Amino acid sequence: MAGMAVAPWPGARGRRAVSAREPLRITVLVVCRDERRALAALLSDLRAQTLPPDEFEVVVVDGLSRDGSREAALDAARLWRREGGPALAVLENRRKTLAPGWNRGVGAARAPAV
């Protein structure tokens, strides 16, 4: 999926988790545009992995998708919230290029590694 990666981010050093109850270790940042099927599969895989849900979060930044990608991410966020899953934030990138989406997502990340 274009725009998907998990990598350490040196600028995150010194960031602290939101609270003692949420010891976030990693933020998974997904930047996409018109990737509904791949995004749905990725979110399903992230939800099924074994890291405890209070140790990671997912930030999806959608770049003006026209295929329902943003809506699929919002649906997943509601489901995860109901089921006690990890935090899933859905943001909008009003540009069609990836760099502003990465910047927006990194700015929203709460964990020390992105």
PDB file of N, CA and C in Angstrom:
ATOM      1  N   MET A   1       0.850  -1.172   0.000  1.00  0.00           N
ATOM      2  CA  MET A   1       0.000   0.000   0.000  1.00  0.00           C
ATOM      3  C   MET A   1       0.889   1.226   0.000  1.00  0.00           C
ATOM      4  N   ALA A   2       0.669   2.126  -0.887  1.00  0.00           N
ATOM      5  CA  ALA A   2       1.476   3.331  -0.976  1.00  0.00           C
ATOM      6  C   ALA A   2       1.331   4.160   0.290  1.00  0.00           C
ATOM      7  N   GLY A   3       2.452   4.648   0.786  1.00  0.00           N
ATOM      8  CA  GLY A   3       2.407   5.544   1.923  1.00  0.00           C
ATOM      9  C   GLY A   3       2.314   4.865   3.270  1.00  0.00           C
ATOM     10  N   MET A   4       2.511   3.551   3.341  1.00  0.00           N
ATOM     11  CA  MET A   4       2.432   2.876   4.617  1.00  0.00           C
ATOM     12  C   MET A   4       3.827   2.502   5.085  1.00  0.00           C
ATOM     13  N   ALA A   5       4.161   2.819   6.318  1.00  0.00           N
ATOM     14  CA  ALA A   5       5.453   2.441   6.863  1.00  0.00           C
ATOM     15  C   ALA A   5       5.419   2.522   8.378  1.00  0.00           C
ATOM     16  N   VAL A   6       6.295   1.790   8.985  1.00  0.00           N
ATOM     17  CA  VAL A   6       6.508   1.884  10.416  1.00  0.00           C
ATOM     18  C   VAL A   6       7.996   2.065  10.588  1.00  0.00           C
ATOM     19  N   ALA A   7       8.417   3.170  11.143  1.00  0.00           N
ATOM     20  CA  ALA A   7       9.842   3.440  11.284  1.00  0.00           C
ATOM     21  C   ALA A   7      10.089   4.277  12.524  1.00  0.00           C
ATOM     22  N   PRO A   8      11.296   4.152  13.092  1.00  0.00           N
ATOM     23  CA  PRO A   8      11.611   5.022  14.221  1.00  0.00           C
ATOM     24  C   PRO A   8      11.690   6.465  13.759  1.00  0.00           C
ATOM     25  N   TRP A   9      11.301   7.337  14.612  1.00  0.00           N
ATOM     26  CA  TRP A   9      11.337   8.765  14.290  1.00  0.00           C
ATOM     27  C   TRP A   9      12.147   9.460  15.357  1.00  0.00           C
ATOM     28  N   PRO A  10      13.375   9.911  15.029  1.00  0.00           N
ATOM     29  CA  PRO A  10      14.248  10.492  16.038  1.00  0.00           C
ATOM     30  C   PRO A  10      13.642  11.701  16.745  1.00  0.00           C
ATOM     31  N   GLY A  11      12.825  12.476  16.069  1.00  0.00           N
ATOM     32  CA  GLY A  11      12.233  13.658  16.678  1.00  0.00           C
ATOM     33  C   GLY A  11      11.260  13.333  17.791  1.00  0.00           C
ATOM     34  N   ALA A  12      10.867  12.084  17.918  1.00  0.00           N
ATOM     35  CA  ALA A  12       9.904  11.698  18.943  1.00  0.00           C
ATOM     36  C   ALA A  12      10.554  11.480  20.301  1.00  0.00           C
ATOM     37  N   ARG A  13      11.885  11.474  20.364  1.00  0.00           N
ATOM     38  CA  ARG A  13      12.552  11.288  21.656  1.00  0.00           C
ATOM     39  C   ARG A  13      12.044  12.324  22.646  1.00  0.00           C
ATOM     40  N   GLY A  14      11.798  11.866  23.826  1.00  0.00           N
ATOM     41  CA  GLY A  14      11.325  12.772  24.857  1.00  0.00           C
ATOM     42  C   GLY A  14       9.813  12.887  24.917  1.00  0.00           C
ATOM     43  N   ARG A  15       9.110  12.394  23.889  1.00  0.00           N
ATOM     44  CA  ARG A  15       7.644  12.394  23.973  1.00  0.00           C
ATOM     45  C   ARG A  15       7.237  11.421  25.047  1.00  0.00           C
ATOM     46  N   ARG A  16       6.180  11.737  25.727  1.00  0.00           N
ATOM     47  CA  ARG A  16       5.702  10.864  26.778  1.00  0.00           C
ATOM     48  C   ARG A  16       4.317  10.373  26.428  1.00  0.00           C
ATOM     49  N   ALA A  17       4.005   9.202  26.926  1.00  0.00           N
ATOM     50  CA  ALA A  17       2.672   8.644  26.712  1.00  0.00           C
ATOM     51  C   ALA A  17       1.645   9.566  27.357  1.00  0.00           C
ATOM     52  N   VAL A  18       0.412   9.447  26.912  1.00  0.00           N
ATOM     53  CA  VAL A  18      -0.653  10.318  27.377  1.00  0.00           C
ATOM     54  C   VAL A  18      -0.886  10.188  28.873  1.00  0.00           C
ATOM     55  N   SER A  19      -0.852   8.981  29.393  1.00  0.00           N
ATOM     56  CA  SER A  19      -1.045   8.786  30.829  1.00  0.00           C
ATOM     57  C   SER A  19      -0.374   7.492  31.243  1.00  0.00           C
ATOM     58  N   ALA A  20      -0.291   7.274  32.531  1.00  0.00           N
ATOM     59  CA  ALA A  20       0.303   6.038  33.033  1.00  0.00           C
ATOM     60  C   ALA A  20      -0.527   4.828  32.616  1.00  0.00           C
ATOM     61  N   ARG A  21      -1.801   5.044  32.380  1.00  0.00           N
ATOM     62  CA  ARG A  21      -2.678   3.948  31.959  1.00  0.00           C
ATOM     63  C   ARG A  21      -2.474   3.601  30.498  1.00  0.00           C
ATOM     64  N   GLU A  22      -1.882   4.477  29.736  1.00  0.00           N
ATOM     65  CA  GLU A  22      -1.668   4.239  28.312  1.00  0.00           C
ATOM     66  C   GLU A  22      -0.180   4.304  27.988  1.00  0.00           C
ATOM     67  N   PRO A  23       0.586   3.245  28.297  1.00  0.00           N
ATOM     68  CA  PRO A  23       2.022   3.276  28.042  1.00  0.00           C
ATOM     69  C   PRO A  23       2.336   3.031  26.561  1.00  0.00           C
ATOM     70  N   LEU A  24       1.941   3.950  25.723  1.00  0.00           N
ATOM     71  CA  LEU A  24       2.137   3.777  24.284  1.00  0.00           C
ATOM     72  C   LEU A  24       3.609   3.576  23.962  1.00  0.00           C
ATOM     73  N   ARG A  25       3.892   2.569  23.144  1.00  0.00           N
ATOM     74  CA  ARG A  25       5.255   2.298  22.710  1.00  0.00           C
ATOM     75  C   ARG A  25       5.461   2.684  21.255  1.00  0.00           C
ATOM     76  N   ILE A  26       4.398   2.605  20.463  1.00  0.00           N
ATOM     77  CA  ILE A  26       4.558   2.833  19.028  1.00  0.00           C
ATOM     78  C   ILE A  26       3.285   3.420  18.424  1.00  0.00           C
ATOM     79  N   THR A  27       3.484   4.298  17.444  1.00  0.00           N
ATOM     80  CA  THR A  27       2.388   4.797  16.623  1.00  0.00           C
ATOM     81  C   THR A  27       2.589   4.231  15.227  1.00  0.00           C
ATOM     82  N   VAL A  28       1.572   3.560  14.727  1.00  0.00           N
ATOM     83  CA  VAL A  28       1.599   3.074  13.350  1.00  0.00           C
ATOM     84  C   VAL A  28       0.944   4.155  12.511  1.00  0.00           C
ATOM     85  N   LEU A  29       1.705   4.728  11.598  1.00  0.00           N
ATOM     86  CA  LEU A  29       1.221   5.821  10.758  1.00  0.00           C
ATOM     87  C   LEU A  29       0.932   5.302   9.359  1.00  0.00           C
ATOM     88  N   VAL A  30      -0.290   5.539   8.903  1.00  0.00           N
ATOM     89  CA  VAL A  30      -0.716   5.105   7.572  1.00  0.00           C
ATOM     90  C   VAL A  30      -1.188   6.337   6.812  1.00  0.00           C
ATOM     91  N   VAL A  31      -0.527   6.632   5.713  1.00  0.00           N
ATOM     92  CA  VAL A  31      -0.930   7.745   4.854  1.00  0.00           C
ATOM     93  C   VAL A  31      -1.423   7.126   3.560  1.00  0.00           C
ATOM     94  N   CYS A  32      -2.653   7.464   3.170  1.00  0.00           N
ATOM     95  CA  CYS A  32      -3.222   6.803   2.000  1.00  0.00           C
ATOM     96  C   CYS A  32      -4.102   7.736   1.188  1.00  0.00           C
ATOM     97  N   ARG A  33      -4.383   7.288  -0.016  1.00  0.00           N
ATOM     98  CA  ARG A  33      -5.345   7.963  -0.898  1.00  0.00           C
ATOM     99  C   ARG A  33      -5.929   6.913  -1.827  1.00  0.00           C
ATOM    100  N   ASP A  34      -7.233   6.762  -1.782  1.00  0.00           N
ATOM    101  CA  ASP A  34      -7.933   5.786  -2.623  1.00  0.00           C
ATOM    102  C   ASP A  34      -7.351   4.380  -2.474  1.00  0.00           C
ATOM    103  N   GLU A  35      -7.275   3.904  -1.241  1.00  0.00           N
ATOM    104  CA  GLU A  35      -6.718   2.582  -0.928  1.00  0.00           C
ATOM    105  C   GLU A  35      -7.662   1.798  -0.022  1.00  0.00           C
ATOM    106  N   ARG A  36      -8.947   1.909  -0.261  1.00  0.00           N
ATOM    107  CA  ARG A  36      -9.924   1.337   0.668  1.00  0.00           C
ATOM    108  C   ARG A  36      -9.688  -0.146   0.965  1.00  0.00           C
ATOM    109  N   ARG A  37      -9.533  -0.958  -0.051  1.00  0.00           N
ATOM    110  CA  ARG A  37      -9.372  -2.405   0.176  1.00  0.00           C
ATOM    111  C   ARG A  37      -8.101  -2.707   0.949  1.00  0.00           C
ATOM    112  N   ALA A  38      -7.001  -2.123   0.520  1.00  0.00           N
ATOM    113  CA  ALA A  38      -5.723  -2.363   1.203  1.00  0.00           C
ATOM    114  C   ALA A  38      -5.767  -1.813   2.627  1.00  0.00           C
ATOM    115  N   LEU A  39      -6.393  -0.665   2.814  1.00  0.00           N
ATOM    116  CA  LEU A  39      -6.497  -0.065   4.141  1.00  0.00           C
ATOM    117  C   LEU A  39      -7.328  -0.953   5.064  1.00  0.00           C
ATOM    118  N   ALA A  40      -8.442  -1.448   4.571  1.00  0.00           N
ATOM    119  CA  ALA A  40      -9.289  -2.330   5.390  1.00  0.00           C
ATOM    120  C   ALA A  40      -8.521  -3.585   5.796  1.00  0.00           C
ATOM    121  N   ALA A  41      -7.760  -4.167   4.879  1.00  0.00           N
ATOM    122  CA  ALA A  41      -6.969  -5.358   5.195  1.00  0.00           C
ATOM    123  C   ALA A  41      -5.880  -5.037   6.212  1.00  0.00           C
ATOM    124  N   LEU A  42      -5.211  -3.910   6.028  1.00  0.00           N
ATOM    125  CA  LEU A  42      -4.163  -3.499   6.958  1.00  0.00           C
ATOM    126  C   LEU A  42      -4.731  -3.283   8.360  1.00  0.00           C
ATOM    127  N   LEU A  43      -5.841  -2.563   8.462  1.00  0.00           N
ATOM    128  CA  LEU A  43      -6.439  -2.305   9.768  1.00  0.00           C
ATOM    129  C   LEU A  43      -6.892  -3.598  10.437  1.00  0.00           C
ATOM    130  N   SER A  44      -7.396  -4.520   9.667  1.00  0.00           N
ATOM    131  CA  SER A  44      -7.787  -5.821  10.206  1.00  0.00           C
ATOM    132  C   SER A  44      -6.566  -6.554  10.761  1.00  0.00           C
ATOM    133  N   ASP A  45      -5.469  -6.535  10.026  1.00  0.00           N
ATOM    134  CA  ASP A  45      -4.245  -7.185  10.482  1.00  0.00           C
ATOM    135  C   ASP A  45      -3.690  -6.507  11.732  1.00  0.00           C
ATOM    136  N   LEU A  46      -3.742  -5.182  11.778  1.00  0.00           N
ATOM    137  CA  LEU A  46      -3.255  -4.465  12.958  1.00  0.00           C
ATOM    138  C   LEU A  46      -4.093  -4.794  14.183  1.00  0.00           C
ATOM    139  N   ARG A  47      -5.384  -4.899  14.006  1.00  0.00           N
ATOM    140  CA  ARG A  47      -6.287  -5.219  15.116  1.00  0.00           C
ATOM    141  C   ARG A  47      -6.025  -6.625  15.638  1.00  0.00           C
ATOM    142  N   ALA A  48      -5.607  -7.533  14.766  1.00  0.00           N
ATOM    143  CA  ALA A  48      -5.419  -8.931  15.134  1.00  0.00           C
ATOM    144  C   ALA A  48      -4.033  -9.236  15.700  1.00  0.00           C
ATOM    145  N   GLN A  49      -3.088  -8.317  15.600  1.00  0.00           N
ATOM    146  CA  GLN A  49      -1.741  -8.621  16.075  1.00  0.00           C
ATOM    147  C   GLN A  49      -1.729  -8.716  17.601  1.00  0.00           C
ATOM    148  N   THR A  50      -0.607  -9.134  18.180  1.00  0.00           N
ATOM    149  CA  THR A  50      -0.604  -9.531  19.588  1.00  0.00           C
ATOM    150  C   THR A  50      -0.113  -8.478  20.580  1.00  0.00           C
ATOM    151  N   LEU A  51       0.378  -7.341  20.142  1.00  0.00           N
ATOM    152  CA  LEU A  51       0.776  -6.287  21.081  1.00  0.00           C
ATOM    153  C   LEU A  51      -0.472  -5.796  21.808  1.00  0.00           C
ATOM    154  N   PRO A  52      -0.417  -5.643  23.129  1.00  0.00           N
ATOM    155  CA  PRO A  52      -1.602  -5.169  23.856  1.00  0.00           C
ATOM    156  C   PRO A  52      -2.097  -3.829  23.295  1.00  0.00           C
ATOM    157  N   PRO A  53      -3.405  -3.644  23.203  1.00  0.00           N
ATOM    158  CA  PRO A  53      -3.957  -2.442  22.582  1.00  0.00           C
ATOM    159  C   PRO A  53      -3.600  -1.139  23.280  1.00  0.00           C
ATOM    160  N   ASP A  54      -3.178  -1.195  24.540  1.00  0.00           N
ATOM    161  CA  ASP A  54      -2.796   0.047  25.206  1.00  0.00           C
ATOM    162  C   ASP A  54      -1.333   0.418  24.963  1.00  0.00           C
ATOM    163  N   GLU A  55      -0.617  -0.397  24.175  1.00  0.00           N
ATOM    164  CA  GLU A  55       0.789  -0.117  23.904  1.00  0.00           C
ATOM    165  C   GLU A  55       1.042   0.466  22.519  1.00  0.00           C
ATOM    166  N   PHE A  56       0.003   0.532  21.691  1.00  0.00           N
ATOM    167  CA  PHE A  56       0.189   1.142  20.376  1.00  0.00           C
ATOM    168  C   PHE A  56      -1.071   1.866  19.944  1.00  0.00           C
ATOM    169  N   GLU A  57      -0.874   2.753  18.989  1.00  0.00           N
ATOM    170  CA  GLU A  57      -1.999   3.466  18.389  1.00  0.00           C
ATOM    171  C   GLU A  57      -1.801   3.461  16.877  1.00  0.00           C
ATOM    172  N   VAL A  58      -2.867   3.738  16.165  1.00  0.00           N
ATOM    173  CA  VAL A  58      -2.820   3.822  14.712  1.00  0.00           C
ATOM    174  C   VAL A  58      -3.340   5.196  14.314  1.00  0.00           C
ATOM    175  N   VAL A  59      -2.602   5.863  13.444  1.00  0.00           N
ATOM    176  CA  VAL A  59      -3.022   7.153  12.900  1.00  0.00           C
ATOM    177  C   VAL A  59      -3.132   6.980  11.395  1.00  0.00           C
ATOM    178  N   VAL A  60      -4.328   7.172  10.867  1.00  0.00           N
ATOM    179  CA  VAL A  60      -4.566   7.112   9.421  1.00  0.00           C
ATOM    180  C   VAL A  60      -4.762   8.533   8.931  1.00  0.00           C
ATOM    181  N   VAL A  61      -3.990   8.906   7.920  1.00  0.00           N
ATOM    182  CA  VAL A  61      -4.138  10.222   7.295  1.00  0.00           C
ATOM    183  C   VAL A  61      -4.583   9.977   5.864  1.00  0.00           C
ATOM    184  N   ASP A  62      -5.799  10.403   5.571  1.00  0.00           N
ATOM    185  CA  ASP A  62      -6.389  10.185   4.247  1.00  0.00           C
ATOM    186  C   ASP A  62      -6.213  11.424   3.383  1.00  0.00           C
ATOM    187  N   GLY A  63      -5.734  11.224   2.162  1.00  0.00           N
ATOM    188  CA  GLY A  63      -5.485  12.330   1.235  1.00  0.00           C
ATOM    189  C   GLY A  63      -6.585  12.504   0.208  1.00  0.00           C
ATOM    190  N   LEU A  64      -7.736  12.951   0.627  1.00  0.00           N
ATOM    191  CA  LEU A  64      -8.860  13.254  -0.272  1.00  0.00           C
ATOM    192  C   LEU A  64      -9.320  12.047  -1.091  1.00  0.00           C
ATOM    193  N   SER A  65      -9.421  10.913  -0.448  1.00  0.00           N
ATOM    194  CA  SER A  65      -9.877   9.699  -1.141  1.00  0.00           C
ATOM    195  C   SER A  65     -11.291   9.860  -1.660  1.00  0.00           C
ATOM    196  N   ARG A  66     -11.534   9.209  -2.782  1.00  0.00           N
ATOM    197  CA  ARG A  66     -12.876   9.212  -3.373  1.00  0.00           C
ATOM    198  C   ARG A  66     -13.484   7.822  -3.383  1.00  0.00           C
ATOM    199  N   ASP A  67     -12.795   6.854  -2.785  1.00  0.00           N
ATOM    200  CA  ASP A  67     -13.275   5.474  -2.826  1.00  0.00           C
ATOM    201  C   ASP A  67     -13.820   4.976  -1.489  1.00  0.00           C
ATOM    202  N   GLY A  68     -13.990   5.874  -0.525  1.00  0.00           N
ATOM    203  CA  GLY A  68     -14.522   5.476   0.766  1.00  0.00           C
ATOM    204  C   GLY A  68     -13.464   5.051   1.772  1.00  0.00           C
ATOM    205  N   SER A  69     -12.195   5.328   1.489  1.00  0.00           N
ATOM    206  CA  SER A  69     -11.112   4.966   2.416  1.00  0.00           C
ATOM    207  C   SER A  69     -11.314   5.616   3.780  1.00  0.00           C
ATOM    208  N   ARG A  70     -11.605   6.899   3.784  1.00  0.00           N
ATOM    209  CA  ARG A  70     -11.781   7.621   5.054  1.00  0.00           C
ATOM    210  C   ARG A  70     -12.950   7.034   5.848  1.00  0.00           C
ATOM    211  N   GLU A  71     -14.041   6.749   5.180  1.00  0.00           N
ATOM    212  CA  GLU A  71     -15.209   6.186   5.851  1.00  0.00           C
ATOM    213  C   GLU A  71     -14.896   4.804   6.423  1.00  0.00           C
ATOM    214  N   ALA A  72     -14.129   4.000   5.680  1.00  0.00           N
ATOM    215  CA  ALA A  72     -13.745   2.673   6.175  1.00  0.00           C
ATOM    216  C   ALA A  72     -12.884   2.801   7.429  1.00  0.00           C
ATOM    217  N   ALA A  73     -11.975   3.765   7.441  1.00  0.00           N
ATOM    218  CA  ALA A  73     -11.131   3.985   8.622  1.00  0.00           C
ATOM    219  C   ALA A  73     -11.973   4.460   9.805  1.00  0.00           C
ATOM    220  N   LEU A  74     -12.929   5.350   9.550  1.00  0.00           N
ATOM    221  CA  LEU A  74     -13.804   5.828  10.624  1.00  0.00           C
ATOM    222  C   LEU A  74     -14.662   4.699  11.188  1.00  0.00           C
ATOM    223  N   ASP A  75     -15.156   3.830  10.311  1.00  0.00           N
ATOM    224  CA  ASP A  75     -15.926   2.662  10.770  1.00  0.00           C
ATOM    225  C   ASP A  75     -15.060   1.774  11.666  1.00  0.00           C
ATOM    226  N   ALA A  76     -13.815   1.545  11.256  1.00  0.00           N
ATOM    227  CA  ALA A  76     -12.894   0.726  12.047  1.00  0.00           C
ATOM    228  C   ALA A  76     -12.634   1.392  13.398  1.00  0.00           C
ATOM    229  N   ALA A  77     -12.474   2.705  13.407  1.00  0.00           N
ATOM    230  CA  ALA A  77     -12.222   3.431  14.660  1.00  0.00           C
ATOM    231  C   ALA A  77     -13.393   3.249  15.634  1.00  0.00           C
ATOM    232  N   ARG A  78     -14.618   3.332  15.135  1.00  0.00           N
ATOM    233  CA  ARG A  78     -15.795   3.139  15.995  1.00  0.00           C
ATOM    234  C   ARG A  78     -15.841   1.712  16.542  1.00  0.00           C
ATOM    235  N   LEU A  79     -15.567   0.749  15.674  1.00  0.00           N
ATOM    236  CA  LEU A  79     -15.578  -0.658  16.084  1.00  0.00           C
ATOM    237  C   LEU A  79     -14.508  -0.921  17.138  1.00  0.00           C
ATOM    238  N   TRP A  80     -13.301  -0.425  16.901  1.00  0.00           N
ATOM    239  CA  TRP A  80     -12.210  -0.637  17.856  1.00  0.00           C
ATOM    240  C   TRP A  80     -12.538  -0.010  19.203  1.00  0.00           C
ATOM    241  N   ARG A  81     -13.135   1.167  19.176  1.00  0.00           N
ATOM    242  CA  ARG A  81     -13.496   1.853  20.426  1.00  0.00           C
ATOM    243  C   ARG A  81     -14.516   1.011  21.207  1.00  0.00           C
ATOM    244  N   ARG A  82     -15.518   0.469  20.507  1.00  0.00           N
ATOM    245  CA  ARG A  82     -16.540  -0.369  21.157  1.00  0.00           C
ATOM    246  C   ARG A  82     -15.933  -1.642  21.734  1.00  0.00           C
ATOM    247  N   GLU A  83     -14.966  -2.223  21.017  1.00  0.00           N
ATOM    248  CA  GLU A  83     -14.385  -3.505  21.405  1.00  0.00           C
ATOM    249  C   GLU A  83     -13.163  -3.370  22.317  1.00  0.00           C
ATOM    250  N   GLY A  84     -12.789  -2.160  22.673  1.00  0.00           N
ATOM    251  CA  GLY A  84     -11.626  -1.972  23.525  1.00  0.00           C
ATOM    252  C   GLY A  84     -10.307  -2.164  22.809  1.00  0.00           C
ATOM    253  N   GLY A  85     -10.276  -1.859  21.531  1.00  0.00           N
ATOM    254  CA  GLY A  85      -9.052  -1.997  20.749  1.00  0.00           C
ATOM    255  C   GLY A  85      -8.121  -0.823  20.935  1.00  0.00           C
ATOM    256  N   PRO A  86      -7.035  -0.804  20.187  1.00  0.00           N
ATOM    257  CA  PRO A  86      -6.098   0.317  20.269  1.00  0.00           C
ATOM    258  C   PRO A  86      -6.740   1.599  19.751  1.00  0.00           C
ATOM    259  N   ALA A  87      -6.152   2.712  20.130  1.00  0.00           N
ATOM    260  CA  ALA A  87      -6.644   3.999  19.633  1.00  0.00           C
ATOM    261  C   ALA A  87      -6.422   4.065  18.125  1.00  0.00           C
ATOM    262  N   LEU A  88      -7.413   4.569  17.408  1.00  0.00           N
ATOM    263  CA  LEU A  88      -7.315   4.741  15.956  1.00  0.00           C
ATOM    264  C   LEU A  88      -7.823   6.135  15.620  1.00  0.00           C
ATOM    265  N   ALA A  89      -6.909   6.992  15.201  1.00  0.00           N
ATOM    266  CA  ALA A  89      -7.261   8.354  14.810  1.00  0.00           C
ATOM    267  C   ALA A  89      -7.308   8.437  13.296  1.00  0.00           C
ATOM    268  N   VAL A  90      -8.298   9.138  12.770  1.00  0.00           N
ATOM    269  CA  VAL A  90      -8.437   9.327  11.326  1.00  0.00           C
ATOM    270  C   VAL A  90      -8.358  10.818  11.053  1.00  0.00           C
ATOM    271  N   LEU A  91      -7.337  11.213  10.296  1.00  0.00           N
ATOM    272  CA  LEU A  91      -7.113  12.613   9.965  1.00  0.00           C
ATOM    273  C   LEU A  91      -7.245  12.818   8.468  1.00  0.00           C
ATOM    274  N   GLU A  92      -7.376  14.068   8.075  1.00  0.00           N
ATOM    275  CA  GLU A  92      -7.504  14.384   6.652  1.00  0.00           C
ATOM    276  C   GLU A  92      -6.304  15.204   6.192  1.00  0.00           C
ATOM    277  N   ASN A  93      -5.785  14.839   5.036  1.00  0.00           N
ATOM    278  CA  ASN A  93      -4.725  15.587   4.373  1.00  0.00           C
ATOM    279  C   ASN A  93      -5.378  16.239   3.158  1.00  0.00           C
ATOM    280  N   ARG A  94      -5.453  17.537   3.129  1.00  0.00           N
ATOM    281  CA  ARG A  94      -6.147  18.230   2.044  1.00  0.00           C
ATOM    282  C   ARG A  94      -5.305  18.347   0.776  1.00  0.00           C
ATOM    283  N   ARG A  95      -4.139  17.723   0.786  1.00  0.00           N
ATOM    284  CA  ARG A  95      -3.298  17.707  -0.408  1.00  0.00           C
ATOM    285  C   ARG A  95      -3.207  16.285  -0.919  1.00  0.00           C
ATOM    286  N   LYS A  96      -2.897  16.154  -2.178  1.00  0.00           N
ATOM    287  CA  LYS A  96      -2.835  14.826  -2.782  1.00  0.00           C
ATOM    288  C   LYS A  96      -1.445  14.205  -2.691  1.00  0.00           C
ATOM    289  N   THR A  97      -0.483  14.899  -2.125  1.00  0.00           N
ATOM    290  CA  THR A  97       0.871  14.367  -2.010  1.00  0.00           C
ATOM    291  C   THR A  97       1.084  13.770  -0.617  1.00  0.00           C
ATOM    292  N   LEU A  98       2.066  12.883  -0.504  1.00  0.00           N
ATOM    293  CA  LEU A  98       2.281  12.162   0.743  1.00  0.00           C
ATOM    294  C   LEU A  98       2.939  12.992   1.848  1.00  0.00           C
ATOM    295  N   ALA A  99       3.889  13.849   1.504  1.00  0.00           N
ATOM    296  CA  ALA A  99       4.670  14.554   2.531  1.00  0.00           C
ATOM    297  C   ALA A  99       3.806  15.315   3.534  1.00  0.00           C
ATOM    298  N   PRO A 100       2.820  16.093   3.105  1.00  0.00           N
ATOM    299  CA  PRO A 100       1.986  16.774   4.103  1.00  0.00           C
ATOM    300  C   PRO A 100       1.215  15.790   4.989  1.00  0.00           C
ATOM    301  N   GLY A 101       0.850  14.655   4.426  1.00  0.00           N
ATOM    302  CA  GLY A 101       0.166  13.630   5.211  1.00  0.00           C
ATOM    303  C   GLY A 101       1.076  13.033   6.274  1.00  0.00           C
ATOM    304  N   TRP A 102       2.316  12.757   5.904  1.00  0.00           N
ATOM    305  CA  TRP A 102       3.289  12.252   6.879  1.00  0.00           C
ATOM    306  C   TRP A 102       3.473  13.274   7.992  1.00  0.00           C
ATOM    307  N   ASN A 103       3.648  14.534   7.609  1.00  0.00           N
ATOM    308  CA  ASN A 103       3.851  15.584   8.613  1.00  0.00           C
ATOM    309  C   ASN A 103       2.658  15.678   9.558  1.00  0.00           C
ATOM    310  N   ARG A 104       1.479  15.616   9.013  1.00  0.00           N
ATOM    311  CA  ARG A 104       0.269  15.696   9.843  1.00  0.00           C
ATOM    312  C   ARG A 104       0.186  14.503  10.797  1.00  0.00           C
ATOM    313  N   GLY A 105       0.477  13.333  10.277  1.00  0.00           N
ATOM    314  CA  GLY A 105       0.421  12.128  11.107  1.00  0.00           C
ATOM    315  C   GLY A 105       1.473  12.103  12.198  1.00  0.00           C
ATOM    316  N   VAL A 106       2.691  12.488  11.864  1.00  0.00           N
ATOM    317  CA  VAL A 106       3.764  12.533  12.865  1.00  0.00           C
ATOM    318  C   VAL A 106       3.420  13.539  13.952  1.00  0.00           C
ATOM    319  N   GLY A 107       2.817  14.657  13.558  1.00  0.00           N
ATOM    320  CA  GLY A 107       2.415  15.656  14.535  1.00  0.00           C
ATOM    321  C   GLY A 107       1.342  15.152  15.495  1.00  0.00           C
ATOM    322  N   ALA A 108       0.529  14.217  15.051  1.00  0.00           N
ATOM    323  CA  ALA A 108      -0.547  13.683  15.881  1.00  0.00           C
ATOM    324  C   ALA A 108      -0.094  12.480  16.717  1.00  0.00           C
ATOM    325  N   ALA A 109       1.048  11.896  16.375  1.00  0.00           N
ATOM    326  CA  ALA A 109       1.529  10.705  17.067  1.00  0.00           C
ATOM    327  C   ALA A 109       1.809  10.999  18.532  1.00  0.00           C
ATOM    328  N   ARG A 110       1.407  10.061  19.397  1.00  0.00           N
ATOM    329  CA  ARG A 110       1.620  10.234  20.827  1.00  0.00           C
ATOM    330  C   ARG A 110       2.732   9.330  21.369  1.00  0.00           C
ATOM    331  N   ALA A 111       3.157   8.356  20.606  1.00  0.00           N
ATOM    332  CA  ALA A 111       4.165   7.407  21.078  1.00  0.00           C
ATOM    333  C   ALA A 111       5.577   7.892  20.733  1.00  0.00           C
ATOM    334  N   PRO A 112       6.592   7.361  21.405  1.00  0.00           N
ATOM    335  CA  PRO A 112       7.955   7.778  21.146  1.00  0.00           C
ATOM    336  C   PRO A 112       8.532   7.222  19.845  1.00  0.00           C
ATOM    337  N   ALA A 113       7.885   6.246  19.233  1.00  0.00           N
ATOM    338  CA  ALA A 113       8.347   5.691  17.962  1.00  0.00           C
ATOM    339  C   ALA A 113       7.188   5.708  16.976  1.00  0.00           C
ATOM    340  N   VAL A 114       7.478   6.120  15.747  1.00  0.00           N
ATOM    341  CA  VAL A 114       6.459   6.174  14.704  1.00  0.00           C
ATOM    342  C   VAL A 114       6.888   5.258  13.571  1.00  0.00           C
TER     343      VAL A 114
END
